[in-house]
Amino acid sequence: MDQVQTPREVNTLVRGHWGIENRVHWVLDVIFHEDASRIRTGNAPQNMGVVRHIALNLLRQEPSKGSVKTKRFRAALNDDYLKQVLGI
């Protein structure tokens, strides 16, 4: 593993990491309305976060054309497509 030499390199690495994190969270909020979730007690928020990430990854892996939002809507209306997304 390479050592980071300068504060500028640290800044570049951190900004790159947060850019990826922000894109994931933006998608989760826009597609799954994560920020509006009223799930707040116990482990439920973390558990639902994991479920949303799994759903997002499954929808992204599904090869048909269309946005993740469109695929999610289609899976909600069509059990056969949902099974295809889930791989069952």
PDB file of N, CA and C in Angstrom:
ATOM      1  N   MET A   1       0.848  -1.176   0.000  1.00  0.00           N
ATOM      2  CA  MET A   1       0.000   0.000   0.000  1.00  0.00           C
ATOM      3  C   MET A   1       0.892   1.237   0.000  1.00  0.00           C
ATOM      4  N   ASP A   2       0.600   2.156  -0.878  1.00  0.00           N
ATOM      5  CA  ASP A   2       1.405   3.369  -0.978  1.00  0.00           C
ATOM      6  C   ASP A   2       1.094   4.301   0.184  1.00  0.00           C
ATOM      7  N   GLN A   3       2.130   4.977   0.638  1.00  0.00           N
ATOM      8  CA  GLN A   3       1.953   5.965   1.688  1.00  0.00           C
ATOM      9  C   GLN A   3       1.528   7.297   1.071  1.00  0.00           C
ATOM     10  N   VAL A   4       0.619   7.975   1.724  1.00  0.00           N
ATOM     11  CA  VAL A   4       0.208   9.302   1.287  1.00  0.00           C
ATOM     12  C   VAL A   4       1.275  10.278   1.754  1.00  0.00           C
ATOM     13  N   GLN A   5       1.749  11.104   0.851  1.00  0.00           N
ATOM     14  CA  GLN A   5       2.894  11.960   1.146  1.00  0.00           C
ATOM     15  C   GLN A   5       2.516  13.371   1.586  1.00  0.00           C
ATOM     16  N   THR A   6       1.457  13.925   1.052  1.00  0.00           N
ATOM     17  CA  THR A   6       1.164  15.330   1.316  1.00  0.00           C
ATOM     18  C   THR A   6      -0.294  15.512   1.722  1.00  0.00           C
ATOM     19  N   PRO A   7      -0.575  16.636   2.383  1.00  0.00           N
ATOM     20  CA  PRO A   7      -1.971  16.939   2.704  1.00  0.00           C
ATOM     21  C   PRO A   7      -2.851  17.026   1.446  1.00  0.00           C
ATOM     22  N   ARG A   8      -2.282  17.481   0.357  1.00  0.00           N
ATOM     23  CA  ARG A   8      -3.038  17.569  -0.893  1.00  0.00           C
ATOM     24  C   ARG A   8      -3.485  16.178  -1.348  1.00  0.00           C
ATOM     25  N   GLU A   9      -2.599  15.181  -1.220  1.00  0.00           N
ATOM     26  CA  GLU A   9      -2.955  13.807  -1.595  1.00  0.00           C
ATOM     27  C   GLU A   9      -4.054  13.259  -0.688  1.00  0.00           C
ATOM     28  N   VAL A  10      -3.963  13.568   0.610  1.00  0.00           N
ATOM     29  CA  VAL A  10      -5.016  13.151   1.549  1.00  0.00           C
ATOM     30  C   VAL A  10      -6.338  13.786   1.134  1.00  0.00           C
ATOM     31  N   ASN A  11      -6.302  15.066   0.833  1.00  0.00           N
ATOM     32  CA  ASN A  11      -7.505  15.776   0.407  1.00  0.00           C
ATOM     33  C   ASN A  11      -8.112  15.135  -0.840  1.00  0.00           C
ATOM     34  N   THR A  12      -7.280  14.798  -1.808  1.00  0.00           N
ATOM     35  CA  THR A  12      -7.758  14.169  -3.041  1.00  0.00           C
ATOM     36  C   THR A  12      -8.415  12.827  -2.752  1.00  0.00           C
ATOM     37  N   LEU A  13      -7.793  12.021  -1.902  1.00  0.00           N
ATOM     38  CA  LEU A  13      -8.360  10.718  -1.551  1.00  0.00           C
ATOM     39  C   LEU A  13      -9.697  10.863  -0.829  1.00  0.00           C
ATOM     40  N   VAL A  14      -9.757  11.775   0.143  1.00  0.00           N
ATOM     41  CA  VAL A  14     -10.989  11.970   0.913  1.00  0.00           C
ATOM     42  C   VAL A  14     -12.106  12.488   0.015  1.00  0.00           C
ATOM     43  N   ARG A  15     -11.811  13.459  -0.820  1.00  0.00           N
ATOM     44  CA  ARG A  15     -12.835  14.001  -1.722  1.00  0.00           C
ATOM     45  C   ARG A  15     -13.331  12.942  -2.701  1.00  0.00           C
ATOM     46  N   GLY A  16     -12.432  12.109  -3.186  1.00  0.00           N
ATOM     47  CA  GLY A  16     -12.840  11.029  -4.082  1.00  0.00           C
ATOM     48  C   GLY A  16     -13.765  10.056  -3.392  1.00  0.00           C
ATOM     49  N   HIS A  17     -13.438   9.700  -2.146  1.00  0.00           N
ATOM     50  CA  HIS A  17     -14.281   8.782  -1.374  1.00  0.00           C
ATOM     51  C   HIS A  17     -15.659   9.389  -1.145  1.00  0.00           C
ATOM     52  N   TRP A  18     -15.706  10.651  -0.719  1.00  0.00           N
ATOM     53  CA  TRP A  18     -16.997  11.269  -0.420  1.00  0.00           C
ATOM     54  C   TRP A  18     -17.808  11.524  -1.679  1.00  0.00           C
ATOM     55  N   GLY A  19     -17.148  11.714  -2.801  1.00  0.00           N
ATOM     56  CA  GLY A  19     -17.891  11.847  -4.055  1.00  0.00           C
ATOM     57  C   GLY A  19     -18.672  10.587  -4.360  1.00  0.00           C
ATOM     58  N   ILE A  20     -18.039   9.440  -4.149  1.00  0.00           N
ATOM     59  CA  ILE A  20     -18.718   8.154  -4.356  1.00  0.00           C
ATOM     60  C   ILE A  20     -19.833   7.991  -3.340  1.00  0.00           C
ATOM     61  N   GLU A  21     -19.553   8.272  -2.071  1.00  0.00           N
ATOM     62  CA  GLU A  21     -20.566   8.142  -1.020  1.00  0.00           C
ATOM     63  C   GLU A  21     -21.766   9.043  -1.306  1.00  0.00           C
ATOM     64  N   ASN A  22     -21.511  10.275  -1.720  1.00  0.00           N
ATOM     65  CA  ASN A  22     -22.607  11.201  -1.988  1.00  0.00           C
ATOM     66  C   ASN A  22     -23.476  10.721  -3.139  1.00  0.00           C
ATOM     67  N   ARG A  23     -22.877  10.132  -4.173  1.00  0.00           N
ATOM     68  CA  ARG A  23     -23.673   9.617  -5.293  1.00  0.00           C
ATOM     69  C   ARG A  23     -24.578   8.483  -4.837  1.00  0.00           C
ATOM     70  N   VAL A  24     -24.058   7.592  -3.995  1.00  0.00           N
ATOM     71  CA  VAL A  24     -24.872   6.476  -3.498  1.00  0.00           C
ATOM     72  C   VAL A  24     -26.015   7.009  -2.652  1.00  0.00           C
ATOM     73  N   HIS A  25     -25.727   7.933  -1.742  1.00  0.00           N
ATOM     74  CA  HIS A  25     -26.777   8.459  -0.872  1.00  0.00           C
ATOM     75  C   HIS A  25     -27.802   9.268  -1.657  1.00  0.00           C
ATOM     76  N   TRP A  26     -27.370   9.971  -2.693  1.00  0.00           N
ATOM     77  CA  TRP A  26     -28.315  10.714  -3.520  1.00  0.00           C
ATOM     78  C   TRP A  26     -29.297   9.751  -4.174  1.00  0.00           C
ATOM     79  N   VAL A  27     -28.786   8.659  -4.732  1.00  0.00           N
ATOM     80  CA  VAL A  27     -29.655   7.669  -5.378  1.00  0.00           C
ATOM     81  C   VAL A  27     -30.605   7.065  -4.359  1.00  0.00           C
ATOM     82  N   LEU A  28     -30.102   6.709  -3.186  1.00  0.00           N
ATOM     83  CA  LEU A  28     -30.968   6.120  -2.164  1.00  0.00           C
ATOM     84  C   LEU A  28     -32.061   7.093  -1.747  1.00  0.00           C
ATOM     85  N   ASP A  29     -31.741   8.368  -1.668  1.00  0.00           N
ATOM     86  CA  ASP A  29     -32.760   9.344  -1.284  1.00  0.00           C
ATOM     87  C   ASP A  29     -33.765   9.575  -2.404  1.00  0.00           C
ATOM     88  N   VAL A  30     -33.292   9.726  -3.623  1.00  0.00           N
ATOM     89  CA  VAL A  30     -34.197  10.013  -4.739  1.00  0.00           C
ATOM     90  C   VAL A  30     -35.066   8.801  -5.078  1.00  0.00           C
ATOM     91  N   ILE A  31     -34.478   7.619  -5.123  1.00  0.00           N
ATOM     92  CA  ILE A  31     -35.205   6.425  -5.544  1.00  0.00           C
ATOM     93  C   ILE A  31     -36.010   5.814  -4.407  1.00  0.00           C
ATOM     94  N   PHE A  32     -35.432   5.768  -3.210  1.00  0.00           N
ATOM     95  CA  PHE A  32     -36.077   5.096  -2.077  1.00  0.00           C
ATOM     96  C   PHE A  32     -36.577   6.069  -1.012  1.00  0.00           C
ATOM     97  N   HIS A  33     -36.431   7.378  -1.237  1.00  0.00           N
ATOM     98  CA  HIS A  33     -36.886   8.409  -0.294  1.00  0.00           C
ATOM     99  C   HIS A  33     -36.327   8.158   1.107  1.00  0.00           C
ATOM    100  N   GLU A  34     -35.054   7.818   1.160  1.00  0.00           N
ATOM    101  CA  GLU A  34     -34.412   7.442   2.417  1.00  0.00           C
ATOM    102  C   GLU A  34     -34.462   8.568   3.451  1.00  0.00           C
ATOM    103  N   ASP A  35     -34.251   9.804   3.041  1.00  0.00           N
ATOM    104  CA  ASP A  35     -34.251  10.912   3.997  1.00  0.00           C
ATOM    105  C   ASP A  35     -35.626  11.148   4.609  1.00  0.00           C
ATOM    106  N   ALA A  36     -36.688  10.750   3.925  1.00  0.00           N
ATOM    107  CA  ALA A  36     -38.044  10.942   4.434  1.00  0.00           C
ATOM    108  C   ALA A  36     -38.520   9.766   5.284  1.00  0.00           C
ATOM    109  N   SER A  37     -37.689   8.758   5.421  1.00  0.00           N
ATOM    110  CA  SER A  37     -38.083   7.568   6.172  1.00  0.00           C
ATOM    111  C   SER A  37     -38.402   7.925   7.618  1.00  0.00           C
ATOM    112  N   ARG A  38     -39.465   7.328   8.129  1.00  0.00           N
ATOM    113  CA  ARG A  38     -39.855   7.549   9.517  1.00  0.00           C
ATOM    114  C   ARG A  38     -39.422   6.382  10.406  1.00  0.00           C
ATOM    115  N   ILE A  39     -38.616   5.506   9.864  1.00  0.00           N
ATOM    116  CA  ILE A  39     -38.099   4.373  10.628  1.00  0.00           C
ATOM    117  C   ILE A  39     -36.948   4.898  11.473  1.00  0.00           C
ATOM    118  N   ARG A  40     -37.135   4.923  12.805  1.00  0.00           N
ATOM    119  CA  ARG A  40     -36.159   5.593  13.646  1.00  0.00           C
ATOM    120  C   ARG A  40     -35.736   4.820  14.899  1.00  0.00           C
ATOM    121  N   THR A  41     -36.392   3.735  15.235  1.00  0.00           N
ATOM    122  CA  THR A  41     -36.112   3.101  16.521  1.00  0.00           C
ATOM    123  C   THR A  41     -35.294   1.822  16.382  1.00  0.00           C
ATOM    124  N   GLY A  42     -34.510   1.555  17.414  1.00  0.00           N
ATOM    125  CA  GLY A  42     -33.732   0.325  17.472  1.00  0.00           C
ATOM    126  C   GLY A  42     -32.779   0.183  16.297  1.00  0.00           C
ATOM    127  N   ASN A  43     -32.683  -1.046  15.806  1.00  0.00           N
ATOM    128  CA  ASN A  43     -31.810  -1.343  14.671  1.00  0.00           C
ATOM    129  C   ASN A  43     -32.510  -1.171  13.329  1.00  0.00           C
ATOM    130  N   ALA A  44     -33.776  -0.820  13.352  1.00  0.00           N
ATOM    131  CA  ALA A  44     -34.559  -0.734  12.118  1.00  0.00           C
ATOM    132  C   ALA A  44     -33.953   0.212  11.077  1.00  0.00           C
ATOM    133  N   PRO A  45     -33.461   1.409  11.447  1.00  0.00           N
ATOM    134  CA  PRO A  45     -32.880   2.277  10.410  1.00  0.00           C
ATOM    135  C   PRO A  45     -31.679   1.641   9.706  1.00  0.00           C
ATOM    136  N   GLN A  46     -30.806   0.990  10.475  1.00  0.00           N
ATOM    137  CA  GLN A  46     -29.646   0.338   9.872  1.00  0.00           C
ATOM    138  C   GLN A  46     -30.075  -0.845   9.015  1.00  0.00           C
ATOM    139  N   ASN A  47     -31.040  -1.613   9.511  1.00  0.00           N
ATOM    140  CA  ASN A  47     -31.522  -2.772   8.756  1.00  0.00           C
ATOM    141  C   ASN A  47     -32.141  -2.343   7.430  1.00  0.00           C
ATOM    142  N   MET A  48     -32.956  -1.299   7.458  1.00  0.00           N
ATOM    143  CA  MET A  48     -33.573  -0.825   6.215  1.00  0.00           C
ATOM    144  C   MET A  48     -32.529  -0.234   5.275  1.00  0.00           C
ATOM    145  N   GLY A  49     -31.496   0.379   5.832  1.00  0.00           N
ATOM    146  CA  GLY A  49     -30.406   0.873   4.993  1.00  0.00           C
ATOM    147  C   GLY A  49     -29.733  -0.258   4.237  1.00  0.00           C
ATOM    148  N   VAL A  50     -29.519  -1.376   4.915  1.00  0.00           N
ATOM    149  CA  VAL A  50     -28.921  -2.547   4.265  1.00  0.00           C
ATOM    150  C   VAL A  50     -29.853  -3.077   3.183  1.00  0.00           C
ATOM    151  N   VAL A  51     -31.149  -3.169   3.492  1.00  0.00           N
ATOM    152  CA  VAL A  51     -32.128  -3.659   2.510  1.00  0.00           C
ATOM    153  C   VAL A  51     -32.155  -2.748   1.286  1.00  0.00           C
ATOM    154  N   ARG A  52     -32.125  -1.439   1.501  1.00  0.00           N
ATOM    155  CA  ARG A  52     -32.124  -0.491   0.369  1.00  0.00           C
ATOM    156  C   ARG A  52     -30.872  -0.652  -0.488  1.00  0.00           C
ATOM    157  N   HIS A  53     -29.726  -0.823   0.150  1.00  0.00           N
ATOM    158  CA  HIS A  53     -28.476  -1.024  -0.604  1.00  0.00           C
ATOM    159  C   HIS A  53     -28.538  -2.301  -1.429  1.00  0.00           C
ATOM    160  N   ILE A  54     -29.055  -3.369  -0.840  1.00  0.00           N
ATOM    161  CA  ILE A  54     -29.188  -4.628  -1.575  1.00  0.00           C
ATOM    162  C   ILE A  54     -30.116  -4.433  -2.766  1.00  0.00           C
ATOM    163  N   ALA A  55     -31.261  -3.782  -2.531  1.00  0.00           N
ATOM    164  CA  ALA A  55     -32.216  -3.543  -3.617  1.00  0.00           C
ATOM    165  C   ALA A  55     -31.580  -2.698  -4.718  1.00  0.00           C
ATOM    166  N   LEU A  56     -30.852  -1.657  -4.334  1.00  0.00           N
ATOM    167  CA  LEU A  56     -30.186  -0.806  -5.319  1.00  0.00           C
ATOM    168  C   LEU A  56     -29.194  -1.609  -6.149  1.00  0.00           C
ATOM    169  N   ASN A  57     -28.398  -2.437  -5.494  1.00  0.00           N
ATOM    170  CA  ASN A  57     -27.418  -3.248  -6.220  1.00  0.00           C
ATOM    171  C   ASN A  57     -28.096  -4.239  -7.162  1.00  0.00           C
ATOM    172  N   LEU A  58     -29.176  -4.872  -6.719  1.00  0.00           N
ATOM    173  CA  LEU A  58     -29.900  -5.813  -7.580  1.00  0.00           C
ATOM    174  C   LEU A  58     -30.492  -5.102  -8.796  1.00  0.00           C
ATOM    175  N   LEU A  59     -31.070  -3.927  -8.573  1.00  0.00           N
ATOM    176  CA  LEU A  59     -31.654  -3.178  -9.688  1.00  0.00           C
ATOM    177  C   LEU A  59     -30.578  -2.720 -10.669  1.00  0.00           C
ATOM    178  N   ARG A  60     -29.429  -2.325 -10.158  1.00  0.00           N
ATOM    179  CA  ARG A  60     -28.336  -1.896 -11.038  1.00  0.00           C
ATOM    180  C   ARG A  60     -27.786  -3.063 -11.855  1.00  0.00           C
ATOM    181  N   GLN A  61     -27.780  -4.260 -11.283  1.00  0.00           N
ATOM    182  CA  GLN A  61     -27.245  -5.434 -11.979  1.00  0.00           C
ATOM    183  C   GLN A  61     -28.198  -5.959 -13.038  1.00  0.00           C
ATOM    184  N   GLU A  62     -29.470  -5.662 -12.917  1.00  0.00           N
ATOM    185  CA  GLU A  62     -30.457  -6.161 -13.879  1.00  0.00           C
ATOM    186  C   GLU A  62     -30.176  -5.494 -15.221  1.00  0.00           C
ATOM    187  N   PRO A  63     -29.961  -6.287 -16.287  1.00  0.00           N
ATOM    188  CA  PRO A  63     -29.415  -5.742 -17.533  1.00  0.00           C
ATOM    189  C   PRO A  63     -30.392  -4.989 -18.442  1.00  0.00           C
ATOM    190  N   SER A  64     -31.676  -5.007 -18.161  1.00  0.00           N
ATOM    191  CA  SER A  64     -32.598  -4.322 -19.070  1.00  0.00           C
ATOM    192  C   SER A  64     -32.356  -2.819 -19.039  1.00  0.00           C
ATOM    193  N   LYS A  65     -32.785  -2.162 -20.116  1.00  0.00           N
ATOM    194  CA  LYS A  65     -32.613  -0.717 -20.206  1.00  0.00           C
ATOM    195  C   LYS A  65     -33.586  -0.037 -19.252  1.00  0.00           C
ATOM    196  N   GLY A  66     -33.231   1.144 -18.846  1.00  0.00           N
ATOM    197  CA  GLY A  66     -34.086   1.928 -17.969  1.00  0.00           C
ATOM    198  C   GLY A  66     -33.342   2.337 -16.713  1.00  0.00           C
ATOM    199  N   SER A  67     -33.858   3.361 -16.084  1.00  0.00           N
ATOM    200  CA  SER A  67     -33.241   3.866 -14.862  1.00  0.00           C
ATOM    201  C   SER A  67     -33.557   2.939 -13.697  1.00  0.00           C
ATOM    202  N   VAL A  68     -32.844   3.124 -12.613  1.00  0.00           N
ATOM    203  CA  VAL A  68     -33.115   2.350 -11.403  1.00  0.00           C
ATOM    204  C   VAL A  68     -34.531   2.646 -10.924  1.00  0.00           C
ATOM    205  N   LYS A  69     -34.944   3.891 -11.023  1.00  0.00           N
ATOM    206  CA  LYS A  69     -36.296   4.271 -10.603  1.00  0.00           C
ATOM    207  C   LYS A  69     -37.341   3.531 -11.430  1.00  0.00           C
ATOM    208  N   THR A  70     -37.145   3.463 -12.732  1.00  0.00           N
ATOM    209  CA  THR A  70     -38.071   2.759 -13.622  1.00  0.00           C
ATOM    210  C   THR A  70     -38.088   1.271 -13.316  1.00  0.00           C
ATOM    211  N   LYS A  71     -36.920   0.691 -13.095  1.00  0.00           N
ATOM    212  CA  LYS A  71     -36.840  -0.736 -12.781  1.00  0.00           C
ATOM    213  C   LYS A  71     -37.548  -1.038 -11.461  1.00  0.00           C
ATOM    214  N   ARG A  72     -37.379  -0.161 -10.477  1.00  0.00           N
ATOM    215  CA  ARG A  72     -38.044  -0.359  -9.180  1.00  0.00           C
ATOM    216  C   ARG A  72     -39.559  -0.334  -9.360  1.00  0.00           C
ATOM    217  N   PHE A  73     -40.054   0.625 -10.104  1.00  0.00           N
ATOM    218  CA  PHE A  73     -41.492   0.739 -10.350  1.00  0.00           C
ATOM    219  C   PHE A  73     -42.004  -0.490 -11.095  1.00  0.00           C
ATOM    220  N   ARG A  74     -41.258  -0.909 -12.102  1.00  0.00           N
ATOM    221  CA  ARG A  74     -41.645  -2.088 -12.884  1.00  0.00           C
ATOM    222  C   ARG A  74     -41.684  -3.338 -12.004  1.00  0.00           C
ATOM    223  N   ALA A  75     -40.699  -3.488 -11.127  1.00  0.00           N
ATOM    224  CA  ALA A  75     -40.660  -4.644 -10.222  1.00  0.00           C
ATOM    225  C   ALA A  75     -41.832  -4.622  -9.243  1.00  0.00           C
ATOM    226  N   ALA A  76     -42.282  -3.432  -8.870  1.00  0.00           N
ATOM    227  CA  ALA A  76     -43.424  -3.321  -7.964  1.00  0.00           C
ATOM    228  C   ALA A  76     -44.720  -3.755  -8.635  1.00  0.00           C
ATOM    229  N   LEU A  77     -44.797  -3.588  -9.954  1.00  0.00           N
ATOM    230  CA  LEU A  77     -46.031  -3.898 -10.682  1.00  0.00           C
ATOM    231  C   LEU A  77     -46.039  -5.268 -11.337  1.00  0.00           C
ATOM    232  N   ASN A  78     -44.873  -5.863 -11.516  1.00  0.00           N
ATOM    233  CA  ASN A  78     -44.770  -7.085 -12.310  1.00  0.00           C
ATOM    234  C   ASN A  78     -43.980  -8.145 -11.533  1.00  0.00           C
ATOM    235  N   ASP A  79     -44.699  -9.150 -11.026  1.00  0.00           N
ATOM    236  CA  ASP A  79     -44.051 -10.185 -10.216  1.00  0.00           C
ATOM    237  C   ASP A  79     -42.988 -10.960 -10.988  1.00  0.00           C
ATOM    238  N   ASP A  80     -43.222 -11.196 -12.267  1.00  0.00           N
ATOM    239  CA  ASP A  80     -42.224 -11.914 -13.063  1.00  0.00           C
ATOM    240  C   ASP A  80     -40.932 -11.108 -13.181  1.00  0.00           C
ATOM    241  N   TYR A  81     -41.070  -9.810 -13.397  1.00  0.00           N
ATOM    242  CA  TYR A  81     -39.882  -8.955 -13.470  1.00  0.00           C
ATOM    243  C   TYR A  81     -39.187  -8.896 -12.107  1.00  0.00           C
ATOM    244  N   LEU A  82     -39.959  -8.824 -11.032  1.00  0.00           N
ATOM    245  CA  LEU A  82     -39.385  -8.826  -9.689  1.00  0.00           C
ATOM    246  C   LEU A  82     -38.554 -10.086  -9.462  1.00  0.00           C
ATOM    247  N   LYS A  83     -39.080 -11.230  -9.872  1.00  0.00           N
ATOM    248  CA  LYS A  83     -38.335 -12.487  -9.739  1.00  0.00           C
ATOM    249  C   LYS A  83     -37.049 -12.447 -10.562  1.00  0.00           C
ATOM    250  N   GLN A  84     -37.121 -11.834 -11.724  1.00  0.00           N
ATOM    251  CA  GLN A  84     -35.931 -11.693 -12.571  1.00  0.00           C
ATOM    252  C   GLN A  84     -34.878 -10.841 -11.863  1.00  0.00           C
ATOM    253  N   VAL A  85     -35.309  -9.734 -11.270  1.00  0.00           N
ATOM    254  CA  VAL A  85     -34.384  -8.856 -10.550  1.00  0.00           C
ATOM    255  C   VAL A  85     -33.759  -9.600  -9.372  1.00  0.00           C
ATOM    256  N   LEU A  86     -34.576 -10.381  -8.667  1.00  0.00           N
ATOM    257  CA  LEU A  86     -34.097 -11.118  -7.496  1.00  0.00           C
ATOM    258  C   LEU A  86     -33.303 -12.364  -7.862  1.00  0.00           C
ATOM    259  N   GLY A  87     -33.383 -12.770  -9.118  1.00  0.00           N
ATOM    260  CA  GLY A  87     -32.654 -13.946  -9.566  1.00  0.00           C
ATOM    261  C   GLY A  87     -33.286 -15.249  -9.111  1.00  0.00           C
ATOM    262  N   ILE A  88     -34.616 -15.245  -8.960  1.00  0.00           N
ATOM    263  CA  ILE A  88     -35.319 -16.483  -8.550  1.00  0.00           C
ATOM    264  C   ILE A  88     -36.286 -16.945  -9.616  1.00  0.00           C
TER     265      ILE A  88
END
